[in-house]
């Protein structure tokens, strides 16, 4: 399952690495937008197979940021 950013902002912090097992609701990364920290949560449980962004990278609303295989 690919999931998208809900906001435009910068990747402030990545909390998991590729290969990690995540549960639905786990915060995978934190975005910074307009001086606010916005958690990006895993929509499903599974293995984090791809992270498509890097720390300090700017992301756009609806940009795919990661892939989870369940």
PDB file of N, CA and C in Angstrom:
ATOM      1  N   UNK A   1       0.841  -1.176   0.000  1.00  0.00           N
ATOM      2  CA  UNK A   1       0.000   0.000   0.000  1.00  0.00           C
ATOM      3  C   UNK A   1       0.885   1.236   0.000  1.00  0.00           C
ATOM      4  N   UNK A   2       0.644   2.118  -0.949  1.00  0.00           N
ATOM      5  CA  UNK A   2       1.356   3.394  -0.986  1.00  0.00           C
ATOM      6  C   UNK A   2       0.540   4.406  -0.190  1.00  0.00           C
ATOM      7  N   UNK A   3       1.243   5.267   0.522  1.00  0.00           N
ATOM      8  CA  UNK A   3       0.459   6.310   1.159  1.00  0.00           C
ATOM      9  C   UNK A   3       1.066   7.662   0.905  1.00  0.00           C
ATOM     10  N   UNK A   4       0.166   8.654   0.941  1.00  0.00           N
ATOM     11  CA  UNK A   4       0.478  10.007   0.487  1.00  0.00           C
ATOM     12  C   UNK A   4       0.500  10.983   1.647  1.00  0.00           C
ATOM     13  N   UNK A   5       1.263  12.037   1.447  1.00  0.00           N
ATOM     14  CA  UNK A   5       1.276  13.134   2.401  1.00  0.00           C
ATOM     15  C   UNK A   5      -0.067  13.865   2.320  1.00  0.00           C
ATOM     16  N   UNK A   6      -0.564  14.283   3.463  1.00  0.00           N
ATOM     17  CA  UNK A   6      -1.815  15.035   3.487  1.00  0.00           C
ATOM     18  C   UNK A   6      -1.583  16.539   3.414  1.00  0.00           C
ATOM     19  N   UNK A   7      -0.312  16.964   3.539  1.00  0.00           N
ATOM     20  CA  UNK A   7       0.016  18.388   3.531  1.00  0.00           C
ATOM     21  C   UNK A   7       1.303  18.636   2.753  1.00  0.00           C
ATOM     22  N   UNK A   8       1.524  19.870   2.387  1.00  0.00           N
ATOM     23  CA  UNK A   8       2.799  20.298   1.831  1.00  0.00           C
ATOM     24  C   UNK A   8       3.689  20.709   3.004  1.00  0.00           C
ATOM     25  N   UNK A   9       4.927  20.249   3.004  1.00  0.00           N
ATOM     26  CA  UNK A   9       5.839  20.592   4.084  1.00  0.00           C
ATOM     27  C   UNK A   9       7.203  19.962   3.866  1.00  0.00           C
ATOM     28  N   UNK A  10       8.042  20.033   4.881  1.00  0.00           N
ATOM     29  CA  UNK A  10       9.383  19.448   4.837  1.00  0.00           C
ATOM     30  C   UNK A  10       9.435  18.226   5.744  1.00  0.00           C
ATOM     31  N   UNK A  11      10.187  17.210   5.315  1.00  0.00           N
ATOM     32  CA  UNK A  11      10.379  16.031   6.156  1.00  0.00           C
ATOM     33  C   UNK A  11      11.325  16.446   7.283  1.00  0.00           C
ATOM     34  N   UNK A  12      10.818  16.442   8.492  1.00  0.00           N
ATOM     35  CA  UNK A  12      11.613  16.852   9.639  1.00  0.00           C
ATOM     36  C   UNK A  12      12.363  15.666  10.227  1.00  0.00           C
ATOM     37  N   UNK A  13      11.678  14.503  10.327  1.00  0.00           N
ATOM     38  CA  UNK A  13      12.297  13.353  10.977  1.00  0.00           C
ATOM     39  C   UNK A  13      11.684  12.062  10.445  1.00  0.00           C
ATOM     40  N   UNK A  14      12.538  11.085  10.138  1.00  0.00           N
ATOM     41  CA  UNK A  14      12.100   9.736   9.780  1.00  0.00           C
ATOM     42  C   UNK A  14      12.271   8.860  11.014  1.00  0.00           C
ATOM     43  N   UNK A  15      11.231   8.133  11.402  1.00  0.00           N
ATOM     44  CA  UNK A  15      11.263   7.361  12.643  1.00  0.00           C
ATOM     45  C   UNK A  15      11.487   5.866  12.429  1.00  0.00           C
ATOM     46  N   UNK A  16      11.360   5.381  11.195  1.00  0.00           N
ATOM     47  CA  UNK A  16      11.576   3.974  10.876  1.00  0.00           C
ATOM     48  C   UNK A  16      12.462   3.877   9.650  1.00  0.00           C
ATOM     49  N   UNK A  17      13.079   2.710   9.478  1.00  0.00           N
ATOM     50  CA  UNK A  17      13.894   2.431   8.297  1.00  0.00           C
ATOM     51  C   UNK A  17      13.197   1.378   7.449  1.00  0.00           C
ATOM     52  N   UNK A  18      13.578   1.303   6.180  1.00  0.00           N
ATOM     53  CA  UNK A  18      13.057   0.273   5.291  1.00  0.00           C
ATOM     54  C   UNK A  18      13.328  -1.097   5.914  1.00  0.00           C
ATOM     55  N   UNK A  19      12.323  -1.974   5.847  1.00  0.00           N
ATOM     56  CA  UNK A  19      12.434  -3.305   6.419  1.00  0.00           C
ATOM     57  C   UNK A  19      11.786  -3.434   7.784  1.00  0.00           C
ATOM     58  N   UNK A  20      11.456  -2.317   8.402  1.00  0.00           N
ATOM     59  CA  UNK A  20      10.836  -2.338   9.728  1.00  0.00           C
ATOM     60  C   UNK A  20       9.384  -2.818   9.627  1.00  0.00           C
ATOM     61  N   UNK A  21       8.948  -3.536  10.642  1.00  0.00           N
ATOM     62  CA  UNK A  21       7.547  -3.923  10.752  1.00  0.00           C
ATOM     63  C   UNK A  21       6.822  -2.818  11.511  1.00  0.00           C
ATOM     64  N   UNK A  22       5.722  -2.332  10.931  1.00  0.00           N
ATOM     65  CA  UNK A  22       4.962  -1.242  11.546  1.00  0.00           C
ATOM     66  C   UNK A  22       3.518  -1.685  11.755  1.00  0.00           C
ATOM     67  N   UNK A  23       2.877  -1.084  12.726  1.00  0.00           N
ATOM     68  CA  UNK A  23       1.463  -1.324  13.000  1.00  0.00           C
ATOM     69  C   UNK A  23       0.662  -0.130  12.503  1.00  0.00           C
ATOM     70  N   UNK A  24      -0.575  -0.377  12.147  1.00  0.00           N
ATOM     71  CA  UNK A  24      -1.450   0.724  11.748  1.00  0.00           C
ATOM     72  C   UNK A  24      -1.462   1.759  12.873  1.00  0.00           C
ATOM     73  N   UNK A  25      -1.245   3.008  12.521  1.00  0.00           N
ATOM     74  CA  UNK A  25      -1.222   4.087  13.509  1.00  0.00           C
ATOM     75  C   UNK A  25       0.161   4.475  13.991  1.00  0.00           C
ATOM     76  N   UNK A  26       1.177   3.638  13.708  1.00  0.00           N
ATOM     77  CA  UNK A  26       2.546   4.027  14.076  1.00  0.00           C
ATOM     78  C   UNK A  26       2.942   5.285  13.319  1.00  0.00           C
ATOM     79  N   UNK A  27       3.600   6.203  13.989  1.00  0.00           N
ATOM     80  CA  UNK A  27       4.105   7.406  13.324  1.00  0.00           C
ATOM     81  C   UNK A  27       5.390   7.030  12.609  1.00  0.00           C
ATOM     82  N   UNK A  28       5.385   7.141  11.288  1.00  0.00           N
ATOM     83  CA  UNK A  28       6.525   6.751  10.460  1.00  0.00           C
ATOM     84  C   UNK A  28       7.490   7.915  10.275  1.00  0.00           C
ATOM     85  N   UNK A  29       6.927   9.113  10.110  1.00  0.00           N
ATOM     86  CA  UNK A  29       7.752  10.298   9.917  1.00  0.00           C
ATOM     87  C   UNK A  29       7.010  11.511  10.444  1.00  0.00           C
ATOM     88  N   UNK A  30       7.750  12.596  10.603  1.00  0.00           N
ATOM     89  CA  UNK A  30       7.152  13.851  11.041  1.00  0.00           C
ATOM     90  C   UNK A  30       7.479  14.910  10.001  1.00  0.00           C
ATOM     91  N   UNK A  31       6.431  15.592   9.538  1.00  0.00           N
ATOM     92  CA  UNK A  31       6.596  16.700   8.608  1.00  0.00           C
ATOM     93  C   UNK A  31       6.521  18.003   9.376  1.00  0.00           C
ATOM     94  N   UNK A  32       7.158  19.023   8.839  1.00  0.00           N
ATOM     95  CA  UNK A  32       7.077  20.371   9.407  1.00  0.00           C
ATOM     96  C   UNK A  32       6.408  21.243   8.356  1.00  0.00           C
ATOM     97  N   UNK A  33       5.329  21.890   8.765  1.00  0.00           N
ATOM     98  CA  UNK A  33       4.618  22.791   7.866  1.00  0.00           C
ATOM     99  C   UNK A  33       4.125  23.979   8.668  1.00  0.00           C
ATOM    100  N   UNK A  34       4.502  25.155   8.245  1.00  0.00           N
ATOM    101  CA  UNK A  34       4.099  26.391   8.917  1.00  0.00           C
ATOM    102  C   UNK A  34       4.422  26.357  10.415  1.00  0.00           C
ATOM    103  N   UNK A  35       5.638  25.881  10.736  1.00  0.00           N
ATOM    104  CA  UNK A  35       6.156  25.811  12.107  1.00  0.00           C
ATOM    105  C   UNK A  35       5.415  24.800  12.981  1.00  0.00           C
ATOM    106  N   UNK A  36       4.618  23.918  12.362  1.00  0.00           N
ATOM    107  CA  UNK A  36       3.904  22.880  13.106  1.00  0.00           C
ATOM    108  C   UNK A  36       4.475  21.516  12.742  1.00  0.00           C
ATOM    109  N   UNK A  37       4.557  20.617  13.719  1.00  0.00           N
ATOM    110  CA  UNK A  37       4.990  19.244  13.475  1.00  0.00           C
ATOM    111  C   UNK A  37       3.754  18.401  13.188  1.00  0.00           C
ATOM    112  N   UNK A  38       3.775  17.690  12.057  1.00  0.00           N
ATOM    113  CA  UNK A  38       2.629  16.905  11.633  1.00  0.00           C
ATOM    114  C   UNK A  38       3.045  15.446  11.511  1.00  0.00           C
ATOM    115  N   UNK A  39       2.512  14.560  12.371  1.00  0.00           N
ATOM    116  CA  UNK A  39       2.868  13.145  12.290  1.00  0.00           C
ATOM    117  C   UNK A  39       2.223  12.489  11.082  1.00  0.00           C
ATOM    118  N   UNK A  40       2.977  11.613  10.425  1.00  0.00           N
ATOM    119  CA  UNK A  40       2.459  10.810   9.316  1.00  0.00           C
ATOM    120  C   UNK A  40       2.369   9.385   9.838  1.00  0.00           C
ATOM    121  N   UNK A  41       1.144   8.858   9.939  1.00  0.00           N
ATOM    122  CA  UNK A  41       0.917   7.540  10.521  1.00  0.00           C
ATOM    123  C   UNK A  41       0.742   6.475   9.446  1.00  0.00           C
ATOM    124  N   UNK A  42       1.185   5.268   9.758  1.00  0.00           N
ATOM    125  CA  UNK A  42       0.982   4.131   8.862  1.00  0.00           C
ATOM    126  C   UNK A  42      -0.517   3.834   8.791  1.00  0.00           C
ATOM    127  N   UNK A  43      -1.068   3.735   7.588  1.00  0.00           N
ATOM    128  CA  UNK A  43      -2.499   3.470   7.465  1.00  0.00           C
ATOM    129  C   UNK A  43      -2.854   2.001   7.700  1.00  0.00           C
ATOM    130  N   UNK A  44      -1.868   1.104   7.551  1.00  0.00           N
ATOM    131  CA  UNK A  44      -2.073  -0.338   7.742  1.00  0.00           C
ATOM    132  C   UNK A  44      -0.841  -0.933   8.409  1.00  0.00           C
ATOM    133  N   UNK A  45      -0.989  -2.142   8.936  1.00  0.00           N
ATOM    134  CA  UNK A  45       0.153  -2.876   9.481  1.00  0.00           C
ATOM    135  C   UNK A  45       0.883  -3.592   8.349  1.00  0.00           C
ATOM    136  N   UNK A  46       2.191  -3.765   8.497  1.00  0.00           N
ATOM    137  CA  UNK A  46       2.963  -4.480   7.495  1.00  0.00           C
ATOM    138  C   UNK A  46       4.437  -4.143   7.594  1.00  0.00           C
ATOM    139  N   UNK A  47       5.153  -4.430   6.510  1.00  0.00           N
ATOM    140  CA  UNK A  47       6.591  -4.159   6.435  1.00  0.00           C
ATOM    141  C   UNK A  47       6.810  -2.913   5.588  1.00  0.00           C
ATOM    142  N   UNK A  48       7.571  -1.993   6.107  1.00  0.00           N
ATOM    143  CA  UNK A  48       7.895  -0.760   5.391  1.00  0.00           C
ATOM    144  C   UNK A  48       8.893  -1.102   4.291  1.00  0.00           C
ATOM    145  N   UNK A  49       8.408  -1.199   3.053  1.00  0.00           N
ATOM    146  CA  UNK A  49       9.268  -1.671   1.957  1.00  0.00           C
ATOM    147  C   UNK A  49       9.986  -0.545   1.225  1.00  0.00           C
ATOM    148  N   UNK A  50       9.441   0.666   1.275  1.00  0.00           N
ATOM    149  CA  UNK A  50      10.101   1.811   0.625  1.00  0.00           C
ATOM    150  C   UNK A  50       9.793   3.086   1.390  1.00  0.00           C
ATOM    151  N   UNK A  51      10.791   3.939   1.499  1.00  0.00           N
ATOM    152  CA  UNK A  51      10.605   5.321   1.954  1.00  0.00           C
ATOM    153  C   UNK A  51      11.048   6.181   0.782  1.00  0.00           C
ATOM    154  N   UNK A  52      10.153   6.965   0.260  1.00  0.00           N
ATOM    155  CA  UNK A  52      10.398   7.692  -0.982  1.00  0.00           C
ATOM    156  C   UNK A  52      10.800   9.146  -0.772  1.00  0.00           C
ATOM    157  N   UNK A  53      11.087   9.515   0.473  1.00  0.00           N
ATOM    158  CA  UNK A  53      11.512  10.884   0.794  1.00  0.00           C
ATOM    159  C   UNK A  53      12.698  10.815   1.745  1.00  0.00           C
ATOM    160  N   UNK A  54      13.386  11.928   1.903  1.00  0.00           N
ATOM    161  CA  UNK A  54      14.537  12.021   2.803  1.00  0.00           C
ATOM    162  C   UNK A  54      14.349  13.195   3.758  1.00  0.00           C
ATOM    163  N   UNK A  55      15.079  13.157   4.861  1.00  0.00           N
ATOM    164  CA  UNK A  55      15.047  14.256   5.816  1.00  0.00           C
ATOM    165  C   UNK A  55      15.401  15.564   5.104  1.00  0.00           C
ATOM    166  N   UNK A  56      14.674  16.604   5.422  1.00  0.00           N
ATOM    167  CA  UNK A  56      14.819  17.955   4.872  1.00  0.00           C
ATOM    168  C   UNK A  56      14.231  18.108   3.464  1.00  0.00           C
ATOM    169  N   UNK A  57      13.733  17.030   2.884  1.00  0.00           N
ATOM    170  CA  UNK A  57      13.130  17.119   1.553  1.00  0.00           C
ATOM    171  C   UNK A  57      11.739  17.733   1.655  1.00  0.00           C
ATOM    172  N   UNK A  58      11.403  18.566   0.706  1.00  0.00           N
ATOM    173  CA  UNK A  58      10.064  19.143   0.665  1.00  0.00           C
ATOM    174  C   UNK A  58       9.133  18.167  -0.041  1.00  0.00           C
ATOM    175  N   UNK A  59       7.946  17.976   0.536  1.00  0.00           N
ATOM    176  CA  UNK A  59       6.931  17.120  -0.067  1.00  0.00           C
ATOM    177  C   UNK A  59       5.692  17.948  -0.366  1.00  0.00           C
ATOM    178  N   UNK A  60       4.960  17.499  -1.356  1.00  0.00           N
ATOM    179  CA  UNK A  60       3.730  18.168  -1.758  1.00  0.00           C
ATOM    180  C   UNK A  60       2.532  17.363  -1.267  1.00  0.00           C
ATOM    181  N   UNK A  61       1.402  18.027  -1.108  1.00  0.00           N
ATOM    182  CA  UNK A  61       0.170  17.338  -0.760  1.00  0.00           C
ATOM    183  C   UNK A  61      -0.110  16.259  -1.807  1.00  0.00           C
ATOM    184  N   UNK A  62      -0.481  15.072  -1.364  1.00  0.00           N
ATOM    185  CA  UNK A  62      -0.797  13.909  -2.189  1.00  0.00           C
ATOM    186  C   UNK A  62       0.431  13.239  -2.819  1.00  0.00           C
ATOM    187  N   UNK A  63       1.649  13.644  -2.435  1.00  0.00           N
ATOM    188  CA  UNK A  63       2.860  12.975  -2.898  1.00  0.00           C
ATOM    189  C   UNK A  63       3.022  11.657  -2.142  1.00  0.00           C
ATOM    190  N   UNK A  64       3.313  10.574  -2.854  1.00  0.00           N
ATOM    191  CA  UNK A  64       3.553   9.287  -2.206  1.00  0.00           C
ATOM    192  C   UNK A  64       4.862   9.383  -1.430  1.00  0.00           C
ATOM    193  N   UNK A  65       4.810   9.042  -0.125  1.00  0.00           N
ATOM    194  CA  UNK A  65       5.994   9.163   0.731  1.00  0.00           C
ATOM    195  C   UNK A  65       6.570   7.826   1.169  1.00  0.00           C
ATOM    196  N   UNK A  66       5.769   6.762   1.125  1.00  0.00           N
ATOM    197  CA  UNK A  66       6.257   5.454   1.556  1.00  0.00           C
ATOM    198  C   UNK A  66       5.339   4.341   1.044  1.00  0.00           C
ATOM    199  N   UNK A  67       5.865   3.103   1.117  1.00  0.00           N
ATOM    200  CA  UNK A  67       5.107   1.927   0.699  1.00  0.00           C
ATOM    201  C   UNK A  67       5.193   0.882   1.810  1.00  0.00           C
ATOM    202  N   UNK A  68       4.039   0.311   2.169  1.00  0.00           N
ATOM    203  CA  UNK A  68       3.964  -0.758   3.172  1.00  0.00           C
ATOM    204  C   UNK A  68       3.402  -1.990   2.477  1.00  0.00           C
ATOM    205  N   UNK A  69       4.068  -3.115   2.668  1.00  0.00           N
ATOM    206  CA  UNK A  69       3.555  -4.394   2.168  1.00  0.00           C
ATOM    207  C   UNK A  69       2.978  -5.148   3.343  1.00  0.00           C
ATOM    208  N   UNK A  70       1.745  -5.622   3.197  1.00  0.00           N
ATOM    209  CA  UNK A  70       1.116  -6.356   4.303  1.00  0.00           C
ATOM    210  C   UNK A  70       0.729  -7.746   3.891  1.00  0.00           C
TER     211      UNK A  70
END
